Amino acid sequence: MLIEVNEKTYRNHFYENPHPYISEPFINLNKGRVDKVVRLIEKNEKVDIGMVAGIKDGILKSPFSAPFGGFHFRHNNLYVSVIESFICQLKAYVTDNRLKKVEIGLPPDIYHLSFNTKVISTLLRNDFSMPTPEITNWVDLNEFPGVFSNRGVRKYLKQATNHGLSFHEISEKNEKEEAYNLIRHNREQFGRPIYMTFYDLENTSKLWPVDFFRVNSKEGSMVASAVFYRGHSNIAQGIFWGDNEEGRPLRAIDFCAFNLWNHYKNLRYIALDLGISTESSIPNEGLLRFKETHECTSSLRYTFAWSPV
């Protein structure tokens, strides 16, 4: 059976996080968004898998305030039977506690491909439902040679260079807010939601580095910007980025991508997680095409649910 344990006991078993959204600082920052946070492990001498989740309106959620959640695990090559045992006990926990449902959003495969694959197989074989997966994109920086392979993108980048664009990391708060507002206006223009305020980004920066960047025109005005997280030791995550009407004909976003890829490659990150290119599982064809022509790989990000009724 699964038991609820306190933070200290849980972390005695799982002191490393496969991704930052199930770290204790992040969970504690957002615990006010749910009725209760629970840390679940098997009542065994040997603990291989754990789950931190929130309960809200009778639903057990992982994540409860993040792009994805999932599980802690002792190592990547756990037996499928071990995973299956935990999932069966998780269903019993939901039933025994008279919860309506459990919802689990797994991270992209770049964070732990082998474990994800076994979890997905196990959930599907144990009656979890799965909506159409989201398409997510990532850049393998080890394979990125420092130039774009797509001929058209190289042409756009040359145009951007000829326009005299420049790329800068931002340190001043007022510039960071300006960069955020540029992206917010971009999303409003294209009908894409933005779920975080600038205040939210400031709070997150207390947990891990939040990097802000700007692309300037030849005249010095901001024409594109980006916000990236460095909450993982090997993977930098693109949270928001975009251009404005002035930057679009200057190819500012192509210039921004080129500099971002090289910036994090030079910092020895192995990958960039650029998030989903779908809205409620429906692909944004233009966004997906842009990412794929800028060295991104497309893969699937899965969400599962199970209800005892």
Foldseek 3Di string as FASTA:
>chain_A
DKDWDDPVVLCVQPVDDLFQCPDPVNCVVCVVLAPDWTKIFDPDPDTFKIAIFGHHPLETEADPPDPFGDIGGDDQPDDLVVLLVVVVVVQVVSVVVVGFKYKHWHDPCVSHVRNVVSNVVSCVVVPWDWDQWFKWKKFQLVPDPLDFPFPVLNVLLVLLVVQVKDKDKDDDPVVQQVQVVQQCVVCVVVVHDDDDDVVRVVSVCVQFNKIKMFMATNVGDTFKIWIWTDRDPAEIETRTIDGDPVCPVSSRVSNVLSVVSVVVVVVVRRMYTDTGQDDSRHGPVVVVVVRVSRRMDIDTIIMIMDGPD
